[in-house]
């Protein structure tokens, strides 16, 4: 017996929600994370946010300013 798993493409709402999760993570700050771990996390997440902005044709109803602000605040 085989089980088929249907692949469901994420919606643009899902992508936006994920991007905002990353923004919130960056905005929460380093906390008690070691410096090297935090710097790696920032780099990876800023890279991901840049992809979020460029990989999708964002409708105007999505406020991209928090994403842009997080990138600006954390880019090296």
C-alpha atoms as a PDB file:
ATOM      1  CA  UNK A   1       0.000   0.000   0.000  1.00  0.00           C
ATOM      2  CA  UNK A   2       1.387   3.402  -0.922  1.00  0.00           C
ATOM      3  CA  UNK A   3       0.328   6.723   0.447  1.00  0.00           C
ATOM      4  CA  UNK A   4       0.229   9.686  -1.865  1.00  0.00           C
ATOM      5  CA  UNK A   5       1.085  13.031  -0.356  1.00  0.00           C
ATOM      6  CA  UNK A   6      -0.313  16.037  -2.110  1.00  0.00           C
ATOM      7  CA  UNK A   7       2.088  18.958  -2.421  1.00  0.00           C
ATOM      8  CA  UNK A   8       0.344  22.250  -1.760  1.00  0.00           C
ATOM      9  CA  UNK A   9       2.101  25.418  -2.892  1.00  0.00           C
ATOM     10  CA  UNK A  10       2.205  28.101  -0.227  1.00  0.00           C
ATOM     11  CA  UNK A  11       0.111  31.161  -0.944  1.00  0.00           C
ATOM     12  CA  UNK A  12       1.500  34.671  -1.013  1.00  0.00           C
ATOM     13  CA  UNK A  13      -0.203  35.192   2.364  1.00  0.00           C
ATOM     14  CA  UNK A  14       1.856  32.312   3.735  1.00  0.00           C
ATOM     15  CA  UNK A  15       5.060  33.794   2.343  1.00  0.00           C
ATOM     16  CA  UNK A  16       4.227  37.174   3.875  1.00  0.00           C
ATOM     17  CA  UNK A  17       3.498  35.580   7.242  1.00  0.00           C
ATOM     18  CA  UNK A  18       6.824  33.738   7.135  1.00  0.00           C
ATOM     19  CA  UNK A  19       8.652  36.946   6.243  1.00  0.00           C
ATOM     20  CA  UNK A  20       7.015  38.713   9.180  1.00  0.00           C
ATOM     21  CA  UNK A  21       8.107  35.862  11.465  1.00  0.00           C
ATOM     22  CA  UNK A  22      11.685  36.529  10.355  1.00  0.00           C
ATOM     23  CA  UNK A  23      11.228  40.281  10.928  1.00  0.00           C
ATOM     24  CA  UNK A  24       9.956  39.601  14.443  1.00  0.00           C
ATOM     25  CA  UNK A  25      12.872  37.282  15.149  1.00  0.00           C
ATOM     26  CA  UNK A  26      15.385  39.914  14.045  1.00  0.00           C
ATOM     27  CA  UNK A  27      13.590  42.698  15.903  1.00  0.00           C
ATOM     28  CA  UNK A  28      13.592  40.636  19.108  1.00  0.00           C
ATOM     29  CA  UNK A  29      17.357  41.022  19.156  1.00  0.00           C
ATOM     30  CA  UNK A  30      20.229  38.856  20.218  1.00  0.00           C
ATOM     31  CA  UNK A  31      19.062  38.096  23.717  1.00  0.00           C
ATOM     32  CA  UNK A  32      21.461  35.644  25.311  1.00  0.00           C
ATOM     33  CA  UNK A  33      22.579  34.027  22.058  1.00  0.00           C
ATOM     34  CA  UNK A  34      26.342  33.804  21.514  1.00  0.00           C
ATOM     35  CA  UNK A  35      27.675  36.519  19.191  1.00  0.00           C
ATOM     36  CA  UNK A  36      28.768  34.147  16.428  1.00  0.00           C
ATOM     37  CA  UNK A  37      25.424  32.349  16.436  1.00  0.00           C
ATOM     38  CA  UNK A  38      23.516  35.645  16.347  1.00  0.00           C
ATOM     39  CA  UNK A  39      25.619  37.057  13.494  1.00  0.00           C
ATOM     40  CA  UNK A  40      25.076  33.881  11.467  1.00  0.00           C
ATOM     41  CA  UNK A  41      21.340  34.006  12.156  1.00  0.00           C
ATOM     42  CA  UNK A  42      21.156  37.661  11.114  1.00  0.00           C
ATOM     43  CA  UNK A  43      23.027  37.029   7.866  1.00  0.00           C
ATOM     44  CA  UNK A  44      20.864  34.062   6.906  1.00  0.00           C
ATOM     45  CA  UNK A  45      17.620  35.843   7.731  1.00  0.00           C
ATOM     46  CA  UNK A  46      18.521  39.119   5.994  1.00  0.00           C
ATOM     47  CA  UNK A  47      19.399  37.040   2.932  1.00  0.00           C
ATOM     48  CA  UNK A  48      16.016  35.293   3.165  1.00  0.00           C
ATOM     49  CA  UNK A  49      14.164  38.606   3.519  1.00  0.00           C
ATOM     50  CA  UNK A  50      15.907  39.992   0.443  1.00  0.00           C
ATOM     51  CA  UNK A  51      14.669  36.946  -1.460  1.00  0.00           C
ATOM     52  CA  UNK A  52      11.150  37.469  -0.155  1.00  0.00           C
ATOM     53  CA  UNK A  53      11.180  40.981  -1.585  1.00  0.00           C
ATOM     54  CA  UNK A  54      12.611  40.071  -4.967  1.00  0.00           C
ATOM     55  CA  UNK A  55      11.101  36.656  -5.658  1.00  0.00           C
ATOM     56  CA  UNK A  56       7.449  37.666  -5.552  1.00  0.00           C
ATOM     57  CA  UNK A  57       5.297  40.226  -7.268  1.00  0.00           C
ATOM     58  CA  UNK A  58       3.853  41.689  -4.074  1.00  0.00           C
ATOM     59  CA  UNK A  59       0.352  43.178  -4.344  1.00  0.00           C
ATOM     60  CA  UNK A  60      -0.025  46.650  -2.847  1.00  0.00           C
ATOM     61  CA  UNK A  61      -2.105  45.410   0.077  1.00  0.00           C
ATOM     62  CA  UNK A  62       1.027  43.919   1.655  1.00  0.00           C
ATOM     63  CA  UNK A  63       2.983  46.367   3.787  1.00  0.00           C
ATOM     64  CA  UNK A  64       6.593  45.612   2.947  1.00  0.00           C
ATOM     65  CA  UNK A  65       8.008  48.445   5.070  1.00  0.00           C
ATOM     66  CA  UNK A  66       8.669  46.244   8.157  1.00  0.00           C
ATOM     67  CA  UNK A  67      10.634  43.832   5.959  1.00  0.00           C
ATOM     68  CA  UNK A  68      12.595  46.662   4.347  1.00  0.00           C
ATOM     69  CA  UNK A  69      13.270  48.208   7.773  1.00  0.00           C
ATOM     70  CA  UNK A  70      14.534  44.916   9.208  1.00  0.00           C
ATOM     71  CA  UNK A  71      16.877  44.475   6.257  1.00  0.00           C
ATOM     72  CA  UNK A  72      18.193  48.038   6.604  1.00  0.00           C
ATOM     73  CA  UNK A  73      18.701  47.655  10.353  1.00  0.00           C
ATOM     74  CA  UNK A  74      20.621  44.387  10.079  1.00  0.00           C
ATOM     75  CA  UNK A  75      22.518  44.509   6.789  1.00  0.00           C
ATOM     76  CA  UNK A  76      26.284  44.621   7.189  1.00  0.00           C
END
